[in-house]
Amino acid sequence: MITCDQHDYIEIVCTFKYPVKLTMKDGSVKECVPIDTMYDSNRNECMKVDQDGRESLVILDDISRLEVCVDNPHFQRVSFD
């Protein structure tokens, strides 16, 4: 489960629709634009993302690192490990 502080970073990227690079705990990488937070059918907390025009859900607990791909006044990267 991610901390409240870590969740704040998720909210920032969703609010501003910053393009991000997500490094997952399994080593895979997703480049996408966050849309919103929600729960999937198994009640996992997720981030709804747009990846090349396709929407999907990313389970927040599966994220290892989040990097913002544009300059912004908030942050550039955060680790979830």
C-alpha atoms as a PDB file:
ATOM      1  CA  MET A   1       0.000   0.000   0.000  1.00  0.00           C
ATOM      2  CA  ILE A   2       1.382   3.418  -0.921  1.00  0.00           C
ATOM      3  CA  THR A   3       1.695   6.154   1.673  1.00  0.00           C
ATOM      4  CA  CYS A   4      -0.404   9.293   1.791  1.00  0.00           C
ATOM      5  CA  ASP A   5       2.654  11.341   0.747  1.00  0.00           C
ATOM      6  CA  GLN A   6       3.197   9.099  -2.276  1.00  0.00           C
ATOM      7  CA  HIS A   7      -0.485   9.351  -3.167  1.00  0.00           C
ATOM      8  CA  ASP A   8      -0.076  13.138  -3.351  1.00  0.00           C
ATOM      9  CA  TYR A   9       2.346  12.682  -6.270  1.00  0.00           C
ATOM     10  CA  ILE A  10      -0.235  10.538  -8.060  1.00  0.00           C
ATOM     11  CA  GLU A  11      -2.847  13.258  -7.553  1.00  0.00           C
ATOM     12  CA  ILE A  12      -0.487  15.924  -8.946  1.00  0.00           C
ATOM     13  CA  VAL A  13       0.193  14.044 -12.189  1.00  0.00           C
ATOM     14  CA  CYS A  14      -3.509  13.278 -12.624  1.00  0.00           C
ATOM     15  CA  THR A  15      -4.540  16.882 -11.976  1.00  0.00           C
ATOM     16  CA  PHE A  16      -2.034  18.378 -14.410  1.00  0.00           C
ATOM     17  CA  LYS A  17      -2.095  15.475 -16.923  1.00  0.00           C
ATOM     18  CA  TYR A  18       1.711  15.354 -16.971  1.00  0.00           C
ATOM     19  CA  PRO A  19       3.132  12.697 -19.298  1.00  0.00           C
ATOM     20  CA  VAL A  20       4.938  10.166 -17.127  1.00  0.00           C
ATOM     21  CA  LYS A  21       7.196   7.152 -17.338  1.00  0.00           C
ATOM     22  CA  LEU A  22       6.189   4.454 -14.875  1.00  0.00           C
ATOM     23  CA  THR A  23       8.697   1.787 -13.950  1.00  0.00           C
ATOM     24  CA  MET A  24       6.794  -1.161 -12.581  1.00  0.00           C
ATOM     25  CA  LYS A  25       8.010  -3.541  -9.876  1.00  0.00           C
ATOM     26  CA  ASP A  26       8.302  -6.291 -12.514  1.00  0.00           C
ATOM     27  CA  GLY A  27      10.752  -4.093 -14.485  1.00  0.00           C
ATOM     28  CA  SER A  28       8.384  -3.138 -17.291  1.00  0.00           C
ATOM     29  CA  VAL A  29       8.039   0.520 -18.293  1.00  0.00           C
ATOM     30  CA  LYS A  30       4.886   2.365 -19.328  1.00  0.00           C
ATOM     31  CA  GLU A  31       4.889   5.827 -20.879  1.00  0.00           C
ATOM     32  CA  CYS A  32       1.449   7.318 -20.442  1.00  0.00           C
ATOM     33  CA  VAL A  33      -0.680  10.260 -19.354  1.00  0.00           C
ATOM     34  CA  PRO A  34      -2.508   9.855 -16.035  1.00  0.00           C
ATOM     35  CA  ILE A  35      -6.214  10.652 -16.111  1.00  0.00           C
ATOM     36  CA  ASP A  36      -7.642   9.852 -12.677  1.00  0.00           C
ATOM     37  CA  THR A  37      -7.495   7.510  -9.699  1.00  0.00           C
ATOM     38  CA  MET A  38     -10.054   4.773  -9.173  1.00  0.00           C
ATOM     39  CA  TYR A  39     -10.510   1.202  -7.989  1.00  0.00           C
ATOM     40  CA  ASP A  40     -10.554  -1.835 -10.247  1.00  0.00           C
ATOM     41  CA  SER A  41     -13.059  -4.690  -9.902  1.00  0.00           C
ATOM     42  CA  ASN A  42     -10.807  -6.330  -7.282  1.00  0.00           C
ATOM     43  CA  ARG A  43     -10.754  -3.118  -5.196  1.00  0.00           C
ATOM     44  CA  ASN A  44      -7.096  -2.391  -6.020  1.00  0.00           C
ATOM     45  CA  GLU A  45      -6.355   1.318  -5.988  1.00  0.00           C
ATOM     46  CA  CYS A  46      -5.405   2.280  -9.544  1.00  0.00           C
ATOM     47  CA  MET A  47      -4.464   5.144 -11.783  1.00  0.00           C
ATOM     48  CA  LYS A  48      -6.432   5.361 -15.024  1.00  0.00           C
ATOM     49  CA  VAL A  49      -3.969   6.227 -17.800  1.00  0.00           C
ATOM     50  CA  ASP A  50      -3.973   6.987 -21.509  1.00  0.00           C
ATOM     51  CA  GLN A  51      -1.247   5.123 -23.360  1.00  0.00           C
ATOM     52  CA  ASP A  52      -1.188   5.922 -27.083  1.00  0.00           C
ATOM     53  CA  GLY A  53      -4.933   6.568 -27.169  1.00  0.00           C
ATOM     54  CA  ARG A  54      -5.867   3.487 -25.134  1.00  0.00           C
ATOM     55  CA  GLU A  55      -7.113   3.794 -21.581  1.00  0.00           C
ATOM     56  CA  SER A  56      -6.080   1.246 -18.981  1.00  0.00           C
ATOM     57  CA  LEU A  57      -5.684   0.868 -15.238  1.00  0.00           C
ATOM     58  CA  VAL A  58      -2.338   0.700 -13.450  1.00  0.00           C
ATOM     59  CA  ILE A  59      -2.401  -0.722  -9.927  1.00  0.00           C
ATOM     60  CA  LEU A  60      -0.649   1.806  -7.681  1.00  0.00           C
ATOM     61  CA  ASP A  61       1.020  -0.893  -5.559  1.00  0.00           C
ATOM     62  CA  ASP A  62       2.717  -2.232  -8.725  1.00  0.00           C
ATOM     63  CA  ILE A  63       4.569   1.052  -9.407  1.00  0.00           C
ATOM     64  CA  SER A  64       8.240   1.199  -8.418  1.00  0.00           C
ATOM     65  CA  ARG A  65       9.146   4.642  -9.808  1.00  0.00           C
ATOM     66  CA  LEU A  66       7.261   7.524 -11.418  1.00  0.00           C
ATOM     67  CA  GLU A  67       9.099  10.073 -13.574  1.00  0.00           C
ATOM     68  CA  VAL A  68       7.475  13.194 -15.000  1.00  0.00           C
ATOM     69  CA  CYS A  69       8.523  13.698 -18.636  1.00  0.00           C
ATOM     70  CA  VAL A  70       8.075  17.498 -18.747  1.00  0.00           C
ATOM     71  CA  ASP A  71       9.520  20.356 -16.726  1.00  0.00           C
ATOM     72  CA  ASN A  72       7.187  21.386 -13.932  1.00  0.00           C
ATOM     73  CA  PRO A  73       7.347  23.209 -10.588  1.00  0.00           C
ATOM     74  CA  HIS A  74       6.273  20.189  -8.520  1.00  0.00           C
ATOM     75  CA  PHE A  75       8.677  17.256  -8.908  1.00  0.00           C
ATOM     76  CA  GLN A  76      10.546  15.148 -11.485  1.00  0.00           C
ATOM     77  CA  ARG A  77      10.578  11.647  -9.993  1.00  0.00           C
ATOM     78  CA  VAL A  78       9.477   9.688  -6.975  1.00  0.00           C
ATOM     79  CA  SER A  79      10.276   6.165  -5.819  1.00  0.00           C
ATOM     80  CA  PHE A  80       7.578   3.925  -4.375  1.00  0.00           C
ATOM     81  CA  ASP A  81       9.915   1.217  -3.039  1.00  0.00           C
END
